[in-house]
Amino acid sequence: MTTPTMPSSAGAPAAPTPPAGPREIKLISHSTLFYWWPVWVFGFFMAFWTSLEGHRFAVLPPDTRITTVDAKAETKTYLLKTKATTLPDPLAKSIAASDQNAAESDSVFPTHVSQRAWLGSLYVVILVVTVFITNVPLRGLWSFMVILAIIVLSLVITVFNGWDDLYERVAALKVYINLAGYLTISTAIFIIWAVATFIFDRRTFIVFMPGQIKVCEHIGASVRTYDASGVTFEKQRDDLFRHYILGFGSGDLVVRTAGAERHEIRLQNVLGIGWKLSPVEDLLREKTTVAVQ
């Protein structure tokens, strides 16, 4: 008589294991304010530069003449002459403060400004170029041609040593911005940029999950769910200025759903779109497996 043996568990089918990798990928659409980071970054840098120089700003009457009284002394003396009967308020207060406490230079001329006029001019150029880039899309060949024209023009001016002449001839390039001006502009833009990037922009997104996608295209809009079967992607990142220079590889994403009710979903300025789409495609290809008991 033989005793029946139970089948070994080694021959039983193994339970399916979930694939490795994220189970949910979220792409966030950013507003064009994200590309304004150079304005506040360079603003804080130029404020720091101005503070290091330590130069002061004084407001003088229009007919003021300054002559040297004693140039050989260790501490040089200058004489300020003007026909004005009353001095401008900042200068009058500075003289009064100097008479009371000559050792405190900060109290005499508290306004810091750099002696290098090109510093303020460069900041204005950065601001204007940022406004242009974020409002005028230059895609494809136009973007390449504009960058090439800027490079060629800069090289021509450099070869003929014309930067100094250009700067001297165009008096409007002498833009002086004081320390408080840099800090005020940069701080205000940084606050707006941070609120838009980390609060409002996060309300516009698309979430990819196995078999379905969830979309919120506008702030305050409802979240809609679509079946991922037959979904197609189109990556648009041919604006060299925005997507590569300022956006660190960002791009625009167009998602088209399939089925009876087809929809076209557009997300602008998605960061890191180049390396995020491949994991998204792998996630959508996954199929739910059911173990056979």
C-alpha atoms as a PDB file:
ATOM      1  CA  MET A   1       0.000   0.000   0.000  1.00  0.00           C
ATOM      2  CA  THR A   2       1.413   3.322  -1.011  1.00  0.00           C
ATOM      3  CA  THR A   3       0.754   6.643   0.595  1.00  0.00           C
ATOM      4  CA  PRO A   4      -0.218   9.438  -1.851  1.00  0.00           C
ATOM      5  CA  THR A   5       2.151  12.347  -1.861  1.00  0.00           C
ATOM      6  CA  MET A   6       1.161  15.981  -2.179  1.00  0.00           C
ATOM      7  CA  PRO A   7       2.442  17.804  -5.248  1.00  0.00           C
ATOM      8  CA  SER A   8       5.507  19.851  -4.619  1.00  0.00           C
ATOM      9  CA  SER A   9       5.089  23.584  -4.445  1.00  0.00           C
ATOM     10  CA  ALA A  10       8.106  23.934  -6.693  1.00  0.00           C
ATOM     11  CA  GLY A  11       6.004  23.093  -9.733  1.00  0.00           C
ATOM     12  CA  ALA A  12       3.243  25.628  -8.970  1.00  0.00           C
ATOM     13  CA  PRO A  13       3.151  28.735 -11.139  1.00  0.00           C
ATOM     14  CA  ALA A  14       4.793  31.725  -9.481  1.00  0.00           C
ATOM     15  CA  ALA A  15       2.695  34.762  -8.717  1.00  0.00           C
ATOM     16  CA  PRO A  16       3.344  37.595 -11.137  1.00  0.00           C
ATOM     17  CA  THR A  17       5.572  40.350  -9.807  1.00  0.00           C
ATOM     18  CA  PRO A  18       4.867  43.952 -10.673  1.00  0.00           C
ATOM     19  CA  PRO A  19       7.351  45.507 -13.086  1.00  0.00           C
ATOM     20  CA  ALA A  20      10.097  47.630 -11.661  1.00  0.00           C
ATOM     21  CA  GLY A  21       9.889  51.400 -12.040  1.00  0.00           C
ATOM     22  CA  PRO A  22       7.469  54.146 -11.020  1.00  0.00           C
ATOM     23  CA  ARG A  23       3.766  53.361 -11.013  1.00  0.00           C
ATOM     24  CA  GLU A  24       2.820  56.981 -11.657  1.00  0.00           C
ATOM     25  CA  ILE A  25       4.582  59.711 -13.635  1.00  0.00           C
ATOM     26  CA  LYS A  26       3.463  63.325 -13.329  1.00  0.00           C
ATOM     27  CA  LEU A  27       4.373  66.009 -15.870  1.00  0.00           C
ATOM     28  CA  ILE A  28       3.788  69.635 -14.885  1.00  0.00           C
ATOM     29  CA  SER A  29       3.124  72.442 -17.343  1.00  0.00           C
ATOM     30  CA  HIS A  30       4.880  75.714 -16.514  1.00  0.00           C
ATOM     31  CA  SER A  31       3.991  79.249 -17.498  1.00  0.00           C
ATOM     32  CA  THR A  32       6.440  81.450 -19.385  1.00  0.00           C
ATOM     33  CA  LEU A  33       7.330  83.097 -16.074  1.00  0.00           C
ATOM     34  CA  PHE A  34       9.623  80.124 -15.438  1.00  0.00           C
ATOM     35  CA  TYR A  35      11.999  81.481 -18.089  1.00  0.00           C
ATOM     36  CA  TRP A  36      12.410  84.736 -16.159  1.00  0.00           C
ATOM     37  CA  TRP A  37      14.993  83.245 -13.782  1.00  0.00           C
ATOM     38  CA  PRO A  38      17.949  85.119 -15.430  1.00  0.00           C
ATOM     39  CA  VAL A  39      16.379  88.452 -14.432  1.00  0.00           C
ATOM     40  CA  TRP A  40      16.431  87.784 -10.686  1.00  0.00           C
ATOM     41  CA  VAL A  41      19.622  85.696 -10.742  1.00  0.00           C
ATOM     42  CA  PHE A  42      21.668  88.407 -12.488  1.00  0.00           C
ATOM     43  CA  GLY A  43      19.915  91.097 -10.442  1.00  0.00           C
ATOM     44  CA  PHE A  44      21.093  89.565  -7.163  1.00  0.00           C
ATOM     45  CA  PHE A  45      24.573  89.049  -8.635  1.00  0.00           C
ATOM     46  CA  MET A  46      24.841  92.695  -9.718  1.00  0.00           C
ATOM     47  CA  ALA A  47      23.560  93.857  -6.336  1.00  0.00           C
ATOM     48  CA  PHE A  48      26.333  91.822  -4.707  1.00  0.00           C
ATOM     49  CA  TRP A  49      28.879  93.304  -7.141  1.00  0.00           C
ATOM     50  CA  THR A  50      27.685  96.841  -6.361  1.00  0.00           C
ATOM     51  CA  SER A  51      27.936  96.181  -2.638  1.00  0.00           C
ATOM     52  CA  LEU A  52      31.516  94.918  -2.996  1.00  0.00           C
ATOM     53  CA  GLU A  53      32.624  98.031  -4.900  1.00  0.00           C
ATOM     54  CA  GLY A  54      31.431 100.285  -2.091  1.00  0.00           C
ATOM     55  CA  HIS A  55      30.969 103.393  -4.257  1.00  0.00           C
ATOM     56  CA  ARG A  56      28.376 105.993  -3.250  1.00  0.00           C
ATOM     57  CA  PHE A  57      25.878 108.092  -5.174  1.00  0.00           C
ATOM     58  CA  ALA A  58      25.466 111.898  -4.869  1.00  0.00           C
ATOM     59  CA  VAL A  59      22.928 114.245  -6.523  1.00  0.00           C
ATOM     60  CA  LEU A  60      24.501 117.574  -7.586  1.00  0.00           C
ATOM     61  CA  PRO A  61      23.085 120.780  -9.101  1.00  0.00           C
ATOM     62  CA  PRO A  62      23.404 121.058 -12.916  1.00  0.00           C
ATOM     63  CA  ASP A  63      26.123 123.780 -12.873  1.00  0.00           C
ATOM     64  CA  THR A  64      28.344 122.120 -10.283  1.00  0.00           C
ATOM     65  CA  ARG A  65      32.116 122.366 -10.752  1.00  0.00           C
ATOM     66  CA  ILE A  66      34.636 120.349  -8.765  1.00  0.00           C
ATOM     67  CA  THR A  67      38.264 121.464  -8.421  1.00  0.00           C
ATOM     68  CA  THR A  68      41.203 119.941  -6.578  1.00  0.00           C
ATOM     69  CA  VAL A  69      42.364 121.954  -3.588  1.00  0.00           C
ATOM     70  CA  ASP A  70      45.282 119.848  -2.348  1.00  0.00           C
ATOM     71  CA  ALA A  71      46.313 116.932  -4.531  1.00  0.00           C
ATOM     72  CA  LYS A  72      49.637 116.215  -2.787  1.00  0.00           C
ATOM     73  CA  ALA A  73      48.202 115.531   0.639  1.00  0.00           C
ATOM     74  CA  GLU A  74      47.575 111.995   1.809  1.00  0.00           C
ATOM     75  CA  THR A  75      43.860 112.792   2.019  1.00  0.00           C
ATOM     76  CA  LYS A  76      42.968 114.786  -1.084  1.00  0.00           C
ATOM     77  CA  THR A  77      40.660 117.779  -0.783  1.00  0.00           C
ATOM     78  CA  TYR A  78      38.178 118.825  -3.445  1.00  0.00           C
ATOM     79  CA  LEU A  79      36.160 122.022  -3.692  1.00  0.00           C
ATOM     80  CA  LEU A  80      32.584 121.901  -4.943  1.00  0.00           C
ATOM     81  CA  LYS A  81      31.278 125.117  -6.543  1.00  0.00           C
ATOM     82  CA  THR A  82      27.722 125.806  -7.635  1.00  0.00           C
ATOM     83  CA  LYS A  83      25.479 128.807  -8.292  1.00  0.00           C
ATOM     84  CA  ALA A  84      22.475 127.105  -6.794  1.00  0.00           C
ATOM     85  CA  THR A  85      21.102 128.864  -3.717  1.00  0.00           C
ATOM     86  CA  THR A  86      19.759 125.633  -2.288  1.00  0.00           C
ATOM     87  CA  LEU A  87      21.292 122.196  -2.612  1.00  0.00           C
ATOM     88  CA  PRO A  88      19.288 119.093  -3.544  1.00  0.00           C
ATOM     89  CA  ASP A  89      17.761 117.440  -0.542  1.00  0.00           C
ATOM     90  CA  PRO A  90      19.933 114.269  -0.649  1.00  0.00           C
ATOM     91  CA  LEU A  91      23.128 116.331  -0.893  1.00  0.00           C
ATOM     92  CA  ALA A  92      22.067 118.767   1.836  1.00  0.00           C
ATOM     93  CA  LYS A  93      21.325 115.899   4.208  1.00  0.00           C
ATOM     94  CA  SER A  94      24.641 114.263   3.313  1.00  0.00           C
ATOM     95  CA  ILE A  95      26.584 117.442   4.134  1.00  0.00           C
ATOM     96  CA  ALA A  96      24.730 117.836   7.424  1.00  0.00           C
ATOM     97  CA  ALA A  97      25.462 114.207   8.324  1.00  0.00           C
ATOM     98  CA  SER A  98      29.122 114.669   7.340  1.00  0.00           C
ATOM     99  CA  ASP A  99      29.480 117.702   9.606  1.00  0.00           C
ATOM    100  CA  GLN A 100      28.081 115.740  12.522  1.00  0.00           C
ATOM    101  CA  ASN A 101      30.030 112.530  11.999  1.00  0.00           C
ATOM    102  CA  ALA A 102      32.624 112.529   9.266  1.00  0.00           C
ATOM    103  CA  ALA A 103      33.827 109.011  10.100  1.00  0.00           C
ATOM    104  CA  GLU A 104      30.526 107.372   9.171  1.00  0.00           C
ATOM    105  CA  SER A 105      30.640 107.270   5.356  1.00  0.00           C
ATOM    106  CA  ASP A 106      27.448 105.199   5.153  1.00  0.00           C
ATOM    107  CA  SER A 107      25.447 107.939   6.855  1.00  0.00           C
ATOM    108  CA  VAL A 108      26.907 110.628   4.549  1.00  0.00           C
ATOM    109  CA  PHE A 109      26.162 108.897   1.215  1.00  0.00           C
ATOM    110  CA  PRO A 110      23.989 105.849   1.949  1.00  0.00           C
ATOM    111  CA  THR A 111      23.082 105.064  -1.679  1.00  0.00           C
ATOM    112  CA  HIS A 112      25.391 102.426  -3.191  1.00  0.00           C
ATOM    113  CA  VAL A 113      26.013 102.481  -6.953  1.00  0.00           C
ATOM    114  CA  SER A 114      28.619 100.882  -9.194  1.00  0.00           C
ATOM    115  CA  GLN A 115      31.006 103.094 -11.125  1.00  0.00           C
ATOM    116  CA  ARG A 116      30.716 100.726 -14.101  1.00  0.00           C
ATOM    117  CA  ALA A 117      27.887 101.944 -16.304  1.00  0.00           C
ATOM    118  CA  TRP A 118      27.903  98.757 -18.390  1.00  0.00           C
ATOM    119  CA  LEU A 119      26.633  96.844 -15.356  1.00  0.00           C
ATOM    120  CA  GLY A 120      23.247  98.568 -15.482  1.00  0.00           C
ATOM    121  CA  SER A 121      23.222  98.445 -19.282  1.00  0.00           C
ATOM    122  CA  LEU A 122      23.801  94.685 -19.250  1.00  0.00           C
ATOM    123  CA  TYR A 123      20.950  94.211 -16.791  1.00  0.00           C
ATOM    124  CA  VAL A 124      18.597  96.165 -19.059  1.00  0.00           C
ATOM    125  CA  VAL A 125      19.678  94.008 -22.021  1.00  0.00           C
ATOM    126  CA  ILE A 126      19.018  90.815 -20.026  1.00  0.00           C
ATOM    127  CA  LEU A 127      15.569  92.098 -19.062  1.00  0.00           C
ATOM    128  CA  VAL A 128      14.637  93.097 -22.629  1.00  0.00           C
ATOM    129  CA  VAL A 129      15.937  89.851 -24.170  1.00  0.00           C
ATOM    130  CA  THR A 130      14.011  87.790 -21.597  1.00  0.00           C
ATOM    131  CA  VAL A 131      10.803  89.660 -22.394  1.00  0.00           C
ATOM    132  CA  PHE A 132      11.383  89.066 -26.129  1.00  0.00           C
ATOM    133  CA  ILE A 133      12.198  85.365 -25.783  1.00  0.00           C
ATOM    134  CA  THR A 134       9.209  84.579 -23.562  1.00  0.00           C
ATOM    135  CA  ASN A 135       6.702  86.393 -25.774  1.00  0.00           C
ATOM    136  CA  VAL A 136       7.972  85.807 -29.329  1.00  0.00           C
ATOM    137  CA  PRO A 137       8.428  82.100 -30.102  1.00  0.00           C
ATOM    138  CA  LEU A 138      11.291  81.427 -32.511  1.00  0.00           C
ATOM    139  CA  ARG A 139      10.988  77.869 -33.736  1.00  0.00           C
ATOM    140  CA  GLY A 140      13.080  75.825 -36.082  1.00  0.00           C
ATOM    141  CA  LEU A 141      15.160  77.727 -38.641  1.00  0.00           C
ATOM    142  CA  TRP A 142      14.218  81.158 -37.277  1.00  0.00           C
ATOM    143  CA  SER A 143      15.687  80.322 -33.891  1.00  0.00           C
ATOM    144  CA  PHE A 144      18.932  79.094 -35.456  1.00  0.00           C
ATOM    145  CA  MET A 145      19.229  82.150 -37.706  1.00  0.00           C
ATOM    146  CA  VAL A 146      18.759  84.607 -34.835  1.00  0.00           C
ATOM    147  CA  ILE A 147      21.410  82.885 -32.707  1.00  0.00           C
ATOM    148  CA  LEU A 148      23.804  82.773 -35.672  1.00  0.00           C
ATOM    149  CA  ALA A 149      23.241  86.478 -36.395  1.00  0.00           C
ATOM    150  CA  ILE A 150      23.967  87.418 -32.770  1.00  0.00           C
ATOM    151  CA  ILE A 151      27.191  85.371 -32.769  1.00  0.00           C
ATOM    152  CA  VAL A 152      28.398  86.820 -36.090  1.00  0.00           C
ATOM    153  CA  LEU A 153      27.633  90.396 -35.040  1.00  0.00           C
ATOM    154  CA  SER A 154      29.437  89.936 -31.720  1.00  0.00           C
ATOM    155  CA  LEU A 155      32.493  88.468 -33.463  1.00  0.00           C
ATOM    156  CA  VAL A 156      32.637  91.322 -35.987  1.00  0.00           C
ATOM    157  CA  ILE A 157      32.504  93.961 -33.255  1.00  0.00           C
ATOM    158  CA  THR A 158      35.156  92.090 -31.258  1.00  0.00           C
ATOM    159  CA  VAL A 159      37.528  91.644 -34.219  1.00  0.00           C
ATOM    160  CA  PHE A 160      37.446  95.368 -35.044  1.00  0.00           C
ATOM    161  CA  ASN A 161      37.734  96.254 -31.329  1.00  0.00           C
ATOM    162  CA  GLY A 162      34.542  98.253 -31.555  1.00  0.00           C
ATOM    163  CA  TRP A 163      32.913  97.584 -28.208  1.00  0.00           C
ATOM    164  CA  ASP A 164      34.516 100.643 -26.557  1.00  0.00           C
ATOM    165  CA  ASP A 165      33.646 102.896 -29.508  1.00  0.00           C
ATOM    166  CA  LEU A 166      30.075 101.601 -29.561  1.00  0.00           C
ATOM    167  CA  TYR A 167      29.729 102.199 -25.858  1.00  0.00           C
ATOM    168  CA  GLU A 168      31.121 105.738 -26.072  1.00  0.00           C
ATOM    169  CA  ARG A 169      29.019 106.743 -29.059  1.00  0.00           C
ATOM    170  CA  VAL A 170      25.721 105.564 -27.631  1.00  0.00           C
ATOM    171  CA  ALA A 171      25.294 107.683 -24.499  1.00  0.00           C
ATOM    172  CA  ALA A 172      22.042 105.961 -23.616  1.00  0.00           C
ATOM    173  CA  LEU A 173      23.999 102.812 -22.751  1.00  0.00           C
ATOM    174  CA  LYS A 174      25.279 104.498 -19.592  1.00  0.00           C
ATOM    175  CA  VAL A 175      22.603 103.153 -17.299  1.00  0.00           C
ATOM    176  CA  TYR A 176      23.302 103.392 -13.576  1.00  0.00           C
ATOM    177  CA  ILE A 177      21.192 101.290 -11.208  1.00  0.00           C
ATOM    178  CA  ASN A 178      21.850 101.504  -7.493  1.00  0.00           C
ATOM    179  CA  LEU A 179      21.963  98.625  -5.033  1.00  0.00           C
ATOM    180  CA  ALA A 180      18.385  99.144  -3.883  1.00  0.00           C
ATOM    181  CA  GLY A 181      17.207  99.169  -7.503  1.00  0.00           C
ATOM    182  CA  TYR A 182      18.739  95.759  -8.224  1.00  0.00           C
ATOM    183  CA  LEU A 183      17.392  94.289  -4.995  1.00  0.00           C
ATOM    184  CA  THR A 184      13.880  95.691  -5.452  1.00  0.00           C
ATOM    185  CA  ILE A 185      13.482  94.443  -9.030  1.00  0.00           C
ATOM    186  CA  SER A 186      15.113  91.066  -8.381  1.00  0.00           C
ATOM    187  CA  THR A 187      13.209  90.377  -5.158  1.00  0.00           C
ATOM    188  CA  ALA A 188       9.837  91.249  -6.680  1.00  0.00           C
ATOM    189  CA  ILE A 189      10.454  89.080  -9.769  1.00  0.00           C
ATOM    190  CA  PHE A 190      11.823  86.229  -7.641  1.00  0.00           C
ATOM    191  CA  ILE A 191       8.696  86.175  -5.463  1.00  0.00           C
ATOM    192  CA  ILE A 192       6.419  86.160  -8.516  1.00  0.00           C
ATOM    193  CA  TRP A 193       8.577  83.490 -10.183  1.00  0.00           C
ATOM    194  CA  ALA A 194       8.590  81.261  -7.087  1.00  0.00           C
ATOM    195  CA  VAL A 195       4.825  81.534  -6.526  1.00  0.00           C
ATOM    196  CA  ALA A 196       4.095  80.767 -10.197  1.00  0.00           C
ATOM    197  CA  THR A 197       6.609  77.901 -10.452  1.00  0.00           C
ATOM    198  CA  PHE A 198       5.973  76.085  -7.180  1.00  0.00           C
ATOM    199  CA  ILE A 199       2.292  76.860  -6.488  1.00  0.00           C
ATOM    200  CA  PHE A 200       0.191  77.839  -9.515  1.00  0.00           C
ATOM    201  CA  ASP A 201       2.044  75.822 -12.169  1.00  0.00           C
ATOM    202  CA  ARG A 202       1.580  72.626 -10.173  1.00  0.00           C
ATOM    203  CA  ARG A 203      -2.179  72.936 -10.760  1.00  0.00           C
ATOM    204  CA  THR A 204      -1.692  72.191 -14.484  1.00  0.00           C
ATOM    205  CA  PHE A 205      -0.471  68.645 -15.032  1.00  0.00           C
ATOM    206  CA  ILE A 206      -0.885  65.259 -16.647  1.00  0.00           C
ATOM    207  CA  VAL A 207      -0.481  62.006 -14.704  1.00  0.00           C
ATOM    208  CA  PHE A 208       0.368  58.746 -16.481  1.00  0.00           C
ATOM    209  CA  MET A 209      -0.598  55.425 -14.881  1.00  0.00           C
ATOM    210  CA  PRO A 210      -0.818  51.887 -16.252  1.00  0.00           C
ATOM    211  CA  GLY A 211      -3.777  51.912 -18.610  1.00  0.00           C
ATOM    212  CA  GLN A 212      -4.982  55.475 -18.037  1.00  0.00           C
ATOM    213  CA  ILE A 213      -4.013  59.137 -17.854  1.00  0.00           C
ATOM    214  CA  LYS A 214      -5.348  62.007 -15.732  1.00  0.00           C
ATOM    215  CA  VAL A 215      -5.256  65.581 -17.011  1.00  0.00           C
ATOM    216  CA  CYS A 216      -5.847  69.031 -15.545  1.00  0.00           C
ATOM    217  CA  GLU A 217      -5.254  71.575 -18.312  1.00  0.00           C
ATOM    218  CA  HIS A 218      -6.082  74.798 -16.444  1.00  0.00           C
ATOM    219  CA  ILE A 219      -5.920  76.137 -12.910  1.00  0.00           C
ATOM    220  CA  GLY A 220      -9.236  75.386 -11.235  1.00  0.00           C
ATOM    221  CA  ALA A 221     -10.367  72.945 -13.932  1.00  0.00           C
ATOM    222  CA  SER A 222     -11.580  69.461 -13.090  1.00  0.00           C
ATOM    223  CA  VAL A 223      -9.309  66.453 -13.456  1.00  0.00           C
ATOM    224  CA  ARG A 224     -10.311  64.314 -16.431  1.00  0.00           C
ATOM    225  CA  THR A 225      -9.432  60.658 -16.917  1.00  0.00           C
ATOM    226  CA  TYR A 226      -8.732  59.004 -20.296  1.00  0.00           C
ATOM    227  CA  ASP A 227      -8.018  55.475 -21.391  1.00  0.00           C
ATOM    228  CA  ALA A 228      -4.371  55.125 -22.406  1.00  0.00           C
ATOM    229  CA  SER A 229      -5.075  52.764 -25.306  1.00  0.00           C
ATOM    230  CA  GLY A 230      -3.980  54.327 -28.584  1.00  0.00           C
ATOM    231  CA  VAL A 231      -2.576  57.491 -26.983  1.00  0.00           C
ATOM    232  CA  THR A 232       0.028  59.283 -29.116  1.00  0.00           C
ATOM    233  CA  PHE A 233       2.628  61.879 -28.126  1.00  0.00           C
ATOM    234  CA  GLU A 234       4.205  64.784 -29.961  1.00  0.00           C
ATOM    235  CA  LYS A 235       7.202  66.494 -28.395  1.00  0.00           C
ATOM    236  CA  GLN A 236       7.864  70.085 -29.473  1.00  0.00           C
ATOM    237  CA  ARG A 237      11.175  71.522 -28.323  1.00  0.00           C
ATOM    238  CA  ASP A 238      12.557  73.370 -31.354  1.00  0.00           C
ATOM    239  CA  ASP A 239      12.686  76.831 -29.751  1.00  0.00           C
ATOM    240  CA  LEU A 240      16.402  76.983 -28.948  1.00  0.00           C
ATOM    241  CA  PHE A 241      16.125  80.087 -26.770  1.00  0.00           C
ATOM    242  CA  ARG A 242      13.335  78.940 -24.467  1.00  0.00           C
ATOM    243  CA  HIS A 243      13.679  75.162 -24.499  1.00  0.00           C
ATOM    244  CA  TYR A 244      17.467  74.851 -24.394  1.00  0.00           C
ATOM    245  CA  ILE A 245      19.080  78.112 -23.231  1.00  0.00           C
ATOM    246  CA  LEU A 246      16.556  79.119 -20.555  1.00  0.00           C
ATOM    247  CA  GLY A 247      14.522  75.927 -20.075  1.00  0.00           C
ATOM    248  CA  PHE A 248      17.291  73.348 -19.526  1.00  0.00           C
ATOM    249  CA  GLY A 249      15.786  70.904 -22.009  1.00  0.00           C
ATOM    250  CA  SER A 250      12.129  71.780 -21.580  1.00  0.00           C
ATOM    251  CA  GLY A 251       9.546  71.385 -24.319  1.00  0.00           C
ATOM    252  CA  ASP A 252       5.875  71.472 -25.256  1.00  0.00           C
ATOM    253  CA  LEU A 253       3.914  68.209 -25.127  1.00  0.00           C
ATOM    254  CA  VAL A 254       0.906  67.359 -27.276  1.00  0.00           C
ATOM    255  CA  VAL A 255      -1.081  64.252 -26.212  1.00  0.00           C
ATOM    256  CA  ARG A 256      -3.824  62.877 -28.481  1.00  0.00           C
ATOM    257  CA  THR A 257      -6.265  60.338 -27.100  1.00  0.00           C
ATOM    258  CA  ALA A 258      -7.996  57.629 -29.134  1.00  0.00           C
ATOM    259  CA  GLY A 259     -11.522  56.256 -29.074  1.00  0.00           C
ATOM    260  CA  ALA A 260     -14.925  57.712 -29.908  1.00  0.00           C
ATOM    261  CA  GLU A 261     -14.197  61.064 -28.202  1.00  0.00           C
ATOM    262  CA  ARG A 262     -10.753  62.111 -29.243  1.00  0.00           C
ATOM    263  CA  HIS A 263      -9.071  64.951 -27.433  1.00  0.00           C
ATOM    264  CA  GLU A 264      -5.890  66.910 -28.015  1.00  0.00           C
ATOM    265  CA  ILE A 265      -4.150  67.913 -24.804  1.00  0.00           C
ATOM    266  CA  ARG A 266      -1.434  70.583 -24.915  1.00  0.00           C
ATOM    267  CA  LEU A 267       0.981  71.154 -22.055  1.00  0.00           C
ATOM    268  CA  GLN A 268       3.412  74.046 -22.403  1.00  0.00           C
ATOM    269  CA  ASN A 269       6.950  74.217 -21.023  1.00  0.00           C
ATOM    270  CA  VAL A 270       7.313  70.740 -19.495  1.00  0.00           C
ATOM    271  CA  LEU A 271      10.731  70.464 -17.831  1.00  0.00           C
ATOM    272  CA  GLY A 272      12.953  67.508 -18.717  1.00  0.00           C
ATOM    273  CA  ILE A 273      10.586  66.305 -21.397  1.00  0.00           C
ATOM    274  CA  GLY A 274      13.361  64.557 -23.301  1.00  0.00           C
ATOM    275  CA  TRP A 275      14.150  61.952 -20.649  1.00  0.00           C
ATOM    276  CA  LYS A 276      10.642  61.653 -19.180  1.00  0.00           C
ATOM    277  CA  LEU A 277       8.773  60.379 -22.242  1.00  0.00           C
ATOM    278  CA  SER A 278      10.584  57.053 -22.444  1.00  0.00           C
ATOM    279  CA  PRO A 279       9.475  55.950 -18.925  1.00  0.00           C
ATOM    280  CA  VAL A 280       5.963  57.193 -19.764  1.00  0.00           C
ATOM    281  CA  GLU A 281       5.795  54.974 -22.850  1.00  0.00           C
ATOM    282  CA  ASP A 282       7.015  51.978 -20.844  1.00  0.00           C
ATOM    283  CA  LEU A 283       4.392  52.639 -18.193  1.00  0.00           C
ATOM    284  CA  LEU A 284       1.521  52.849 -20.676  1.00  0.00           C
ATOM    285  CA  ARG A 285       2.561  49.605 -22.365  1.00  0.00           C
ATOM    286  CA  GLU A 286       2.057  47.632 -19.195  1.00  0.00           C
ATOM    287  CA  LYS A 287      -0.908  45.274 -19.121  1.00  0.00           C
ATOM    288  CA  THR A 288      -2.671  44.041 -16.025  1.00  0.00           C
ATOM    289  CA  THR A 289      -1.978  40.333 -15.545  1.00  0.00           C
ATOM    290  CA  VAL A 290      -4.295  38.056 -13.635  1.00  0.00           C
ATOM    291  CA  ALA A 291      -2.906  34.887 -12.100  1.00  0.00           C
ATOM    292  CA  VAL A 292      -4.789  31.713 -13.023  1.00  0.00           C
ATOM    293  CA  GLN A 293      -5.720  29.862  -9.861  1.00  0.00           C
END
